[in-house]
Amino acid sequence: MAAATWGALLQGLAESGDHTLVGCDIDPDARASVADYCETTDDLAVAAEADYVVLAVKPDSVGDLLPALDLDAEQTLISIAAGVSIDYLADLTDAQIVRLMPNLNAETRNMAAAVTGAVDDTVRELLEEVGEYAEIQESEMDIATALNGSGPAFVFYLIGAMADAGVDSGLEAEQAETLAAQTFKGAAETVLQSDQSIDELIDAVCSEGGTTIEGMELLWDSDVEEDVASAVHAAEDRSREMAAEFADE
């Protein structure tokens, strides 16, 4: 998830045109994957000079890479390395440390992100440019990883299920996908902008004897809510397991 998410974050920030972005990686394929959005280099010294350094590597690479960067207390490290705690990072660098869990939707500047640590106004401004964010406690990072990090896949699945229902009843696949995806997009924006609760918004769409209440009665009587919650908690449990595995190494 980290590589795709980092590329999405770069793409979203690049579209704002307000930043100097440099992607540093020894892997030429990794550099090529982000070359459309930023300058690229394999020179670690270039990354080490930045005011804000985003660490987007596999957890087992952190111990070797971070000391080599030799960041100082005037710099900020933004880590999206899954399961790597602030305490662990603090033993390897003098930089101010931020842990960030962005998601794939950064590429369309609709990201949901969870962030903790030394979050300053510059970090907040960066996140606001690519979507919405929540400042959380580090102890909440596992559930955030499941909710907004893994969440896009769960939403894609539900969009696909609705689109498939449309195709089953005669819509063209492209038509059904457009209607389902735009409905999710609009409903999500309504939730973000409305002062009403989720239940109040559902009631606003339902009318007695209408089509929506018929479908909602089926959902209310089903295990869908529990199944979705189980999917989120399964991802949360795996995030916690990964963090424990890393800590034990």
C-alpha atoms as a PDB file:
ATOM      1  CA  MET A   1       0.000   0.000   0.000  1.00  0.00           C
ATOM      2  CA  ALA A   2       2.812   2.450   0.804  1.00  0.00           C
ATOM      3  CA  ALA A   3       4.205   2.732  -2.745  1.00  0.00           C
ATOM      4  CA  ALA A   4       0.834   3.347  -4.366  1.00  0.00           C
ATOM      5  CA  THR A   5      -0.228   5.726  -1.623  1.00  0.00           C
ATOM      6  CA  TRP A   6       3.032   7.701  -1.783  1.00  0.00           C
ATOM      7  CA  GLY A   7       2.646   8.045  -5.546  1.00  0.00           C
ATOM      8  CA  ALA A   8      -0.919   9.250  -5.060  1.00  0.00           C
ATOM      9  CA  LEU A   9       0.208  11.776  -2.452  1.00  0.00           C
ATOM     10  CA  LEU A  10       2.907  13.097  -4.779  1.00  0.00           C
ATOM     11  CA  GLN A  11       0.417  13.388  -7.621  1.00  0.00           C
ATOM     12  CA  GLY A  12      -2.056  15.310  -5.483  1.00  0.00           C
ATOM     13  CA  LEU A  13       0.580  17.730  -4.173  1.00  0.00           C
ATOM     14  CA  ALA A  14       2.023  18.208  -7.660  1.00  0.00           C
ATOM     15  CA  GLU A  15      -1.351  19.337  -8.973  1.00  0.00           C
ATOM     16  CA  SER A  16      -1.369  22.234  -6.522  1.00  0.00           C
ATOM     17  CA  GLY A  17       1.822  23.586  -8.100  1.00  0.00           C
ATOM     18  CA  ASP A  18       2.903  25.144  -4.810  1.00  0.00           C
ATOM     19  CA  HIS A  19       5.767  22.846  -3.832  1.00  0.00           C
ATOM     20  CA  THR A  20       9.187  21.674  -4.889  1.00  0.00           C
ATOM     21  CA  LEU A  21       8.880  17.888  -4.846  1.00  0.00           C
ATOM     22  CA  VAL A  22      11.715  15.407  -5.241  1.00  0.00           C
ATOM     23  CA  GLY A  23      11.315  11.634  -5.282  1.00  0.00           C
ATOM     24  CA  CYS A  24      14.403   9.785  -4.070  1.00  0.00           C
ATOM     25  CA  ASP A  25      14.796   6.035  -4.614  1.00  0.00           C
ATOM     26  CA  ILE A  26      17.571   3.690  -5.689  1.00  0.00           C
ATOM     27  CA  ASP A  27      15.044   1.664  -7.694  1.00  0.00           C
ATOM     28  CA  PRO A  28      14.737   3.084 -11.240  1.00  0.00           C
ATOM     29  CA  ASP A  29      11.225   1.649 -11.610  1.00  0.00           C
ATOM     30  CA  ALA A  30      10.115   3.451  -8.455  1.00  0.00           C
ATOM     31  CA  ARG A  31      11.574   6.717  -9.761  1.00  0.00           C
ATOM     32  CA  ALA A  32       9.897   6.222 -13.129  1.00  0.00           C
ATOM     33  CA  SER A  33       6.524   5.684 -11.460  1.00  0.00           C
ATOM     34  CA  VAL A  34       6.548   9.230 -10.013  1.00  0.00           C
ATOM     35  CA  ALA A  35       8.575  11.031 -12.695  1.00  0.00           C
ATOM     36  CA  ASP A  36       5.456  12.737 -14.071  1.00  0.00           C
ATOM     37  CA  TYR A  37       4.829  14.470 -10.746  1.00  0.00           C
ATOM     38  CA  CYS A  38       8.252  15.511  -9.493  1.00  0.00           C
ATOM     39  CA  GLU A  39      11.991  15.570  -9.986  1.00  0.00           C
ATOM     40  CA  THR A  40      13.633  12.237  -9.203  1.00  0.00           C
ATOM     41  CA  THR A  41      17.057  11.214  -7.950  1.00  0.00           C
ATOM     42  CA  ASP A  42      18.916   8.275  -6.462  1.00  0.00           C
ATOM     43  CA  ASP A  43      21.110  10.603  -4.395  1.00  0.00           C
ATOM     44  CA  LEU A  44      20.166  10.293  -0.726  1.00  0.00           C
ATOM     45  CA  ALA A  45      21.902  13.592   0.043  1.00  0.00           C
ATOM     46  CA  VAL A  46      19.234  15.446  -1.942  1.00  0.00           C
ATOM     47  CA  ALA A  47      16.485  14.049   0.261  1.00  0.00           C
ATOM     48  CA  ALA A  48      18.527  14.792   3.378  1.00  0.00           C
ATOM     49  CA  GLU A  49      18.528  18.524   2.536  1.00  0.00           C
ATOM     50  CA  ALA A  50      14.725  18.885   2.478  1.00  0.00           C
ATOM     51  CA  ASP A  51      12.831  20.703   5.233  1.00  0.00           C
ATOM     52  CA  TYR A  52      10.120  18.008   5.142  1.00  0.00           C
ATOM     53  CA  VAL A  53      11.151  14.447   4.330  1.00  0.00           C
ATOM     54  CA  VAL A  54       8.487  11.818   3.651  1.00  0.00           C
ATOM     55  CA  LEU A  55       9.642   8.320   4.556  1.00  0.00           C
ATOM     56  CA  ALA A  56       7.704   5.903   2.346  1.00  0.00           C
ATOM     57  CA  VAL A  57       9.545   2.604   2.641  1.00  0.00           C
ATOM     58  CA  LYS A  58       8.902  -0.900   3.906  1.00  0.00           C
ATOM     59  CA  PRO A  59       9.264  -1.093   7.698  1.00  0.00           C
ATOM     60  CA  ASP A  60      12.304  -3.358   7.530  1.00  0.00           C
ATOM     61  CA  SER A  61      14.186  -0.697   5.544  1.00  0.00           C
ATOM     62  CA  VAL A  62      13.723   2.059   8.111  1.00  0.00           C
ATOM     63  CA  GLY A  63      16.570   0.984  10.418  1.00  0.00           C
ATOM     64  CA  ASP A  64      19.166   1.246   7.647  1.00  0.00           C
ATOM     65  CA  LEU A  65      17.808   4.222   5.726  1.00  0.00           C
ATOM     66  CA  LEU A  66      16.860   6.722   8.404  1.00  0.00           C
ATOM     67  CA  PRO A  67      20.292   7.000  10.126  1.00  0.00           C
ATOM     68  CA  ALA A  68      21.873   7.471   6.700  1.00  0.00           C
ATOM     69  CA  LEU A  69      19.694  10.541   6.113  1.00  0.00           C
ATOM     70  CA  ASP A  70      21.180  12.195   9.215  1.00  0.00           C
ATOM     71  CA  LEU A  71      18.328  14.663   9.658  1.00  0.00           C
ATOM     72  CA  ASP A  72      18.574  17.404  12.270  1.00  0.00           C
ATOM     73  CA  ALA A  73      16.131  18.947  14.723  1.00  0.00           C
ATOM     74  CA  GLU A  74      15.202  21.719  12.275  1.00  0.00           C
ATOM     75  CA  GLN A  75      13.800  19.161   9.820  1.00  0.00           C
ATOM     76  CA  THR A  76      10.549  17.208   9.919  1.00  0.00           C
ATOM     77  CA  LEU A  77      10.249  13.540   9.091  1.00  0.00           C
ATOM     78  CA  ILE A  78       6.815  12.430   7.857  1.00  0.00           C
ATOM     79  CA  SER A  79       6.676   8.644   8.097  1.00  0.00           C
ATOM     80  CA  ILE A  80       4.096   6.533   6.294  1.00  0.00           C
ATOM     81  CA  ALA A  81       5.983   3.323   7.120  1.00  0.00           C
ATOM     82  CA  ALA A  82       3.250   1.042   8.462  1.00  0.00           C
ATOM     83  CA  GLY A  83       3.632  -0.143  12.030  1.00  0.00           C
ATOM     84  CA  VAL A  84       6.766   1.892  12.790  1.00  0.00           C
ATOM     85  CA  SER A  85       6.249   3.828  16.022  1.00  0.00           C
ATOM     86  CA  ILE A  86       7.375   7.356  16.811  1.00  0.00           C
ATOM     87  CA  ASP A  87       9.522   6.003  19.650  1.00  0.00           C
ATOM     88  CA  TYR A  88      11.375   3.702  17.249  1.00  0.00           C
ATOM     89  CA  LEU A  89      11.902   6.531  14.766  1.00  0.00           C
ATOM     90  CA  ALA A  90      13.075   8.884  17.520  1.00  0.00           C
ATOM     91  CA  ASP A  91      15.959   6.524  18.323  1.00  0.00           C
ATOM     92  CA  LEU A  92      17.182   6.865  14.725  1.00  0.00           C
ATOM     93  CA  THR A  93      16.825  10.575  13.981  1.00  0.00           C
ATOM     94  CA  ASP A  94      16.981  14.034  15.560  1.00  0.00           C
ATOM     95  CA  ALA A  95      14.199  15.314  13.273  1.00  0.00           C
ATOM     96  CA  GLN A  96      10.710  16.244  14.378  1.00  0.00           C
ATOM     97  CA  ILE A  97       8.541  13.183  13.694  1.00  0.00           C
ATOM     98  CA  VAL A  98       5.083  12.925  12.165  1.00  0.00           C
ATOM     99  CA  ARG A  99       3.315   9.622  11.516  1.00  0.00           C
ATOM    100  CA  LEU A 100       0.878   9.770   8.639  1.00  0.00           C
ATOM    101  CA  MET A 101      -1.615   7.310   7.203  1.00  0.00           C
ATOM    102  CA  PRO A 102      -2.829   8.770   3.908  1.00  0.00           C
ATOM    103  CA  ASN A 103      -4.806   6.872   1.293  1.00  0.00           C
ATOM    104  CA  LEU A 104      -4.988   6.311  -2.429  1.00  0.00           C
ATOM    105  CA  ASN A 105      -7.539   9.081  -2.944  1.00  0.00           C
ATOM    106  CA  ALA A 106      -4.780  11.674  -2.600  1.00  0.00           C
ATOM    107  CA  GLU A 107      -4.260  11.408  -6.360  1.00  0.00           C
ATOM    108  CA  THR A 108      -7.647  13.076  -6.931  1.00  0.00           C
ATOM    109  CA  ARG A 109      -7.116  15.412  -3.933  1.00  0.00           C
ATOM    110  CA  ASN A 110      -9.868  13.588  -2.033  1.00  0.00           C
ATOM    111  CA  MET A 111      -7.595  11.929   0.510  1.00  0.00           C
ATOM    112  CA  ALA A 112      -8.610  10.958   4.011  1.00  0.00           C
ATOM    113  CA  ALA A 113      -5.576  10.965   6.290  1.00  0.00           C
ATOM    114  CA  ALA A 114      -4.819  10.233   9.925  1.00  0.00           C
ATOM    115  CA  VAL A 115      -1.841  12.035  11.418  1.00  0.00           C
ATOM    116  CA  THR A 116      -0.077  12.163  14.767  1.00  0.00           C
ATOM    117  CA  GLY A 117       3.136  13.477  16.294  1.00  0.00           C
ATOM    118  CA  ALA A 118       4.821  16.826  15.667  1.00  0.00           C
ATOM    119  CA  VAL A 119       2.091  18.144  13.393  1.00  0.00           C
ATOM    120  CA  ASP A 120       2.765  21.802  12.536  1.00  0.00           C
ATOM    121  CA  ASP A 121       0.930  24.295  10.330  1.00  0.00           C
ATOM    122  CA  THR A 122       2.958  23.346   7.250  1.00  0.00           C
ATOM    123  CA  VAL A 123       1.984  19.679   7.606  1.00  0.00           C
ATOM    124  CA  ARG A 124      -1.639  20.714   8.055  1.00  0.00           C
ATOM    125  CA  GLU A 125      -1.501  22.883   4.939  1.00  0.00           C
ATOM    126  CA  LEU A 126       0.003  20.026   2.923  1.00  0.00           C
ATOM    127  CA  LEU A 127      -2.746  17.661   4.008  1.00  0.00           C
ATOM    128  CA  GLU A 128      -5.491  20.208   3.355  1.00  0.00           C
ATOM    129  CA  GLU A 129      -4.296  20.524  -0.231  1.00  0.00           C
ATOM    130  CA  VAL A 130      -5.023  16.867  -0.946  1.00  0.00           C
ATOM    131  CA  GLY A 131      -8.123  16.212   1.132  1.00  0.00           C
ATOM    132  CA  GLU A 132      -9.316  15.924   4.724  1.00  0.00           C
ATOM    133  CA  TYR A 133      -7.386  14.777   7.780  1.00  0.00           C
ATOM    134  CA  ALA A 134      -7.852  13.906  11.440  1.00  0.00           C
ATOM    135  CA  GLU A 135      -5.230  14.469  14.133  1.00  0.00           C
ATOM    136  CA  ILE A 136      -5.271  11.392  16.338  1.00  0.00           C
ATOM    137  CA  GLN A 137      -3.321   9.717  19.138  1.00  0.00           C
ATOM    138  CA  GLU A 138      -0.640   7.258  18.058  1.00  0.00           C
ATOM    139  CA  SER A 139      -2.513   4.484  19.906  1.00  0.00           C
ATOM    140  CA  GLU A 140      -5.351   4.995  17.403  1.00  0.00           C
ATOM    141  CA  MET A 141      -3.176   4.478  14.327  1.00  0.00           C
ATOM    142  CA  ASP A 142      -4.170   0.819  13.847  1.00  0.00           C
ATOM    143  CA  ILE A 143      -7.879   1.595  13.522  1.00  0.00           C
ATOM    144  CA  ALA A 144      -7.066   4.598  11.329  1.00  0.00           C
ATOM    145  CA  THR A 145      -4.970   2.338   9.094  1.00  0.00           C
ATOM    146  CA  ALA A 146      -7.999   0.084   8.692  1.00  0.00           C
ATOM    147  CA  LEU A 147     -10.575   2.836   8.317  1.00  0.00           C
ATOM    148  CA  ASN A 148      -8.997   5.287   5.914  1.00  0.00           C
ATOM    149  CA  GLY A 149      -5.928   3.372   4.723  1.00  0.00           C
ATOM    150  CA  SER A 150      -7.664   0.120   3.780  1.00  0.00           C
ATOM    151  CA  GLY A 151     -11.084   1.752   3.497  1.00  0.00           C
ATOM    152  CA  PRO A 152     -10.887   2.703  -0.207  1.00  0.00           C
ATOM    153  CA  ALA A 153     -10.756  -1.004  -1.133  1.00  0.00           C
ATOM    154  CA  PHE A 154     -13.886  -1.665   0.930  1.00  0.00           C
ATOM    155  CA  VAL A 155     -15.670   1.235  -0.767  1.00  0.00           C
ATOM    156  CA  PHE A 156     -14.535   0.055  -4.220  1.00  0.00           C
ATOM    157  CA  TYR A 157     -16.045  -3.329  -3.382  1.00  0.00           C
ATOM    158  CA  LEU A 158     -19.388  -1.782  -2.408  1.00  0.00           C
ATOM    159  CA  ILE A 159     -19.447   0.420  -5.517  1.00  0.00           C
ATOM    160  CA  GLY A 160     -18.800  -2.691  -7.574  1.00  0.00           C
ATOM    161  CA  ALA A 161     -21.645  -4.552  -5.872  1.00  0.00           C
ATOM    162  CA  MET A 162     -24.104  -1.723  -6.601  1.00  0.00           C
ATOM    163  CA  ALA A 163     -22.876  -1.416 -10.182  1.00  0.00           C
ATOM    164  CA  ASP A 164     -23.266  -5.180 -10.693  1.00  0.00           C
ATOM    165  CA  ALA A 165     -26.881  -4.924  -9.544  1.00  0.00           C
ATOM    166  CA  GLY A 166     -27.433  -2.256 -12.190  1.00  0.00           C
ATOM    167  CA  VAL A 167     -25.913  -4.442 -14.882  1.00  0.00           C
ATOM    168  CA  ASP A 168     -28.058  -7.393 -13.781  1.00  0.00           C
ATOM    169  CA  SER A 169     -31.139  -5.272 -14.447  1.00  0.00           C
ATOM    170  CA  GLY A 170     -30.078  -4.068 -17.886  1.00  0.00           C
ATOM    171  CA  LEU A 171     -27.742  -1.077 -17.532  1.00  0.00           C
ATOM    172  CA  GLU A 172     -24.509  -0.990 -19.492  1.00  0.00           C
ATOM    173  CA  ALA A 173     -21.485  -1.634 -17.268  1.00  0.00           C
ATOM    174  CA  GLU A 174     -20.091   1.882 -17.796  1.00  0.00           C
ATOM    175  CA  GLN A 175     -23.448   3.467 -17.023  1.00  0.00           C
ATOM    176  CA  ALA A 176     -23.897   1.427 -13.852  1.00  0.00           C
ATOM    177  CA  GLU A 177     -20.379   2.180 -12.629  1.00  0.00           C
ATOM    178  CA  THR A 178     -20.813   5.915 -13.250  1.00  0.00           C
ATOM    179  CA  LEU A 179     -24.121   6.027 -11.376  1.00  0.00           C
ATOM    180  CA  ALA A 180     -22.843   3.946  -8.456  1.00  0.00           C
ATOM    181  CA  ALA A 181     -19.506   5.778  -8.108  1.00  0.00           C
ATOM    182  CA  GLN A 182     -21.024   9.248  -8.395  1.00  0.00           C
ATOM    183  CA  THR A 183     -23.680   8.293  -5.859  1.00  0.00           C
ATOM    184  CA  PHE A 184     -20.968   7.299  -3.357  1.00  0.00           C
ATOM    185  CA  LYS A 185     -19.041  10.489  -4.120  1.00  0.00           C
ATOM    186  CA  GLY A 186     -22.078  12.715  -3.637  1.00  0.00           C
ATOM    187  CA  ALA A 187     -23.246  10.903  -0.521  1.00  0.00           C
ATOM    188  CA  ALA A 188     -19.788  11.188   1.037  1.00  0.00           C
ATOM    189  CA  GLU A 189     -19.666  14.921   0.317  1.00  0.00           C
ATOM    190  CA  THR A 190     -23.124  15.313   1.845  1.00  0.00           C
ATOM    191  CA  VAL A 191     -21.944  13.595   5.039  1.00  0.00           C
ATOM    192  CA  LEU A 192     -18.925  15.916   5.238  1.00  0.00           C
ATOM    193  CA  GLN A 193     -20.936  19.083   4.681  1.00  0.00           C
ATOM    194  CA  SER A 194     -24.143  18.280   6.561  1.00  0.00           C
ATOM    195  CA  ASP A 195     -24.833  18.832  10.241  1.00  0.00           C
ATOM    196  CA  GLN A 196     -27.214  15.872  10.202  1.00  0.00           C
ATOM    197  CA  SER A 197     -26.270  12.445  11.518  1.00  0.00           C
ATOM    198  CA  ILE A 198     -25.960   9.404   9.254  1.00  0.00           C
ATOM    199  CA  ASP A 199     -29.327   8.105  10.474  1.00  0.00           C
ATOM    200  CA  GLU A 200     -30.975  11.482   9.828  1.00  0.00           C
ATOM    201  CA  LEU A 201     -29.571  11.538   6.286  1.00  0.00           C
ATOM    202  CA  ILE A 202     -30.922   8.034   5.639  1.00  0.00           C
ATOM    203  CA  ASP A 203     -34.345   9.145   6.889  1.00  0.00           C
ATOM    204  CA  ALA A 204     -34.205  12.146   4.554  1.00  0.00           C
ATOM    205  CA  VAL A 205     -33.897   9.838   1.534  1.00  0.00           C
ATOM    206  CA  CYS A 206     -36.552   7.372   2.681  1.00  0.00           C
ATOM    207  CA  SER A 207     -40.267   7.958   2.299  1.00  0.00           C
ATOM    208  CA  GLU A 208     -43.031   5.681   3.543  1.00  0.00           C
ATOM    209  CA  GLY A 209     -43.954   3.128   0.920  1.00  0.00           C
ATOM    210  CA  GLY A 210     -41.182   4.296  -1.421  1.00  0.00           C
ATOM    211  CA  THR A 211     -38.292   2.532  -3.125  1.00  0.00           C
ATOM    212  CA  THR A 212     -35.541   3.504  -0.683  1.00  0.00           C
ATOM    213  CA  ILE A 213     -37.291   2.265   2.444  1.00  0.00           C
ATOM    214  CA  GLU A 214     -37.875  -1.067   0.718  1.00  0.00           C
ATOM    215  CA  GLY A 215     -34.144  -1.508   0.170  1.00  0.00           C
ATOM    216  CA  MET A 216     -33.226  -0.172   3.608  1.00  0.00           C
ATOM    217  CA  GLU A 217     -35.584  -2.622   5.333  1.00  0.00           C
ATOM    218  CA  LEU A 218     -33.610  -5.438   3.710  1.00  0.00           C
ATOM    219  CA  LEU A 219     -30.280  -3.913   4.808  1.00  0.00           C
ATOM    220  CA  TRP A 220     -31.489  -3.322   8.365  1.00  0.00           C
ATOM    221  CA  ASP A 221     -32.563  -6.979   8.586  1.00  0.00           C
ATOM    222  CA  SER A 222     -29.260  -8.250   7.160  1.00  0.00           C
ATOM    223  CA  ASP A 223     -25.769  -8.698   8.603  1.00  0.00           C
ATOM    224  CA  VAL A 224     -24.212  -6.109   6.278  1.00  0.00           C
ATOM    225  CA  GLU A 225     -23.384  -3.627   9.037  1.00  0.00           C
ATOM    226  CA  GLU A 226     -21.710  -6.325  11.122  1.00  0.00           C
ATOM    227  CA  ASP A 227     -19.830  -7.688   8.089  1.00  0.00           C
ATOM    228  CA  VAL A 228     -18.474  -4.264   7.147  1.00  0.00           C
ATOM    229  CA  ALA A 229     -17.415  -3.662  10.742  1.00  0.00           C
ATOM    230  CA  SER A 230     -15.728  -7.083  10.786  1.00  0.00           C
ATOM    231  CA  ALA A 231     -13.769  -6.205   7.649  1.00  0.00           C
ATOM    232  CA  VAL A 232     -12.543  -2.976   9.250  1.00  0.00           C
ATOM    233  CA  HIS A 233     -11.573  -4.722  12.480  1.00  0.00           C
ATOM    234  CA  ALA A 234      -9.803  -7.516  10.572  1.00  0.00           C
ATOM    235  CA  ALA A 235      -7.637  -4.869   8.903  1.00  0.00           C
ATOM    236  CA  GLU A 236      -7.120  -3.175  12.276  1.00  0.00           C
ATOM    237  CA  ASP A 237      -6.009  -6.471  13.847  1.00  0.00           C
ATOM    238  CA  ARG A 238      -3.564  -7.099  11.010  1.00  0.00           C
ATOM    239  CA  SER A 239      -2.126  -3.598  11.409  1.00  0.00           C
ATOM    240  CA  ARG A 240      -1.597  -4.282  15.106  1.00  0.00           C
ATOM    241  CA  GLU A 241       0.020  -7.647  14.306  1.00  0.00           C
ATOM    242  CA  MET A 242       2.376  -6.034  11.789  1.00  0.00           C
ATOM    243  CA  ALA A 243       3.413  -3.419  14.337  1.00  0.00           C
ATOM    244  CA  ALA A 244       4.077  -6.130  16.933  1.00  0.00           C
ATOM    245  CA  GLU A 245       6.066  -8.214  14.458  1.00  0.00           C
ATOM    246  CA  PHE A 246       8.206  -5.207  13.604  1.00  0.00           C
ATOM    247  CA  ALA A 247       8.744  -4.316  17.266  1.00  0.00           C
ATOM    248  CA  ASP A 248       9.890  -7.863  18.029  1.00  0.00           C
ATOM    249  CA  GLU A 249      12.551  -7.898  15.299  1.00  0.00           C
END
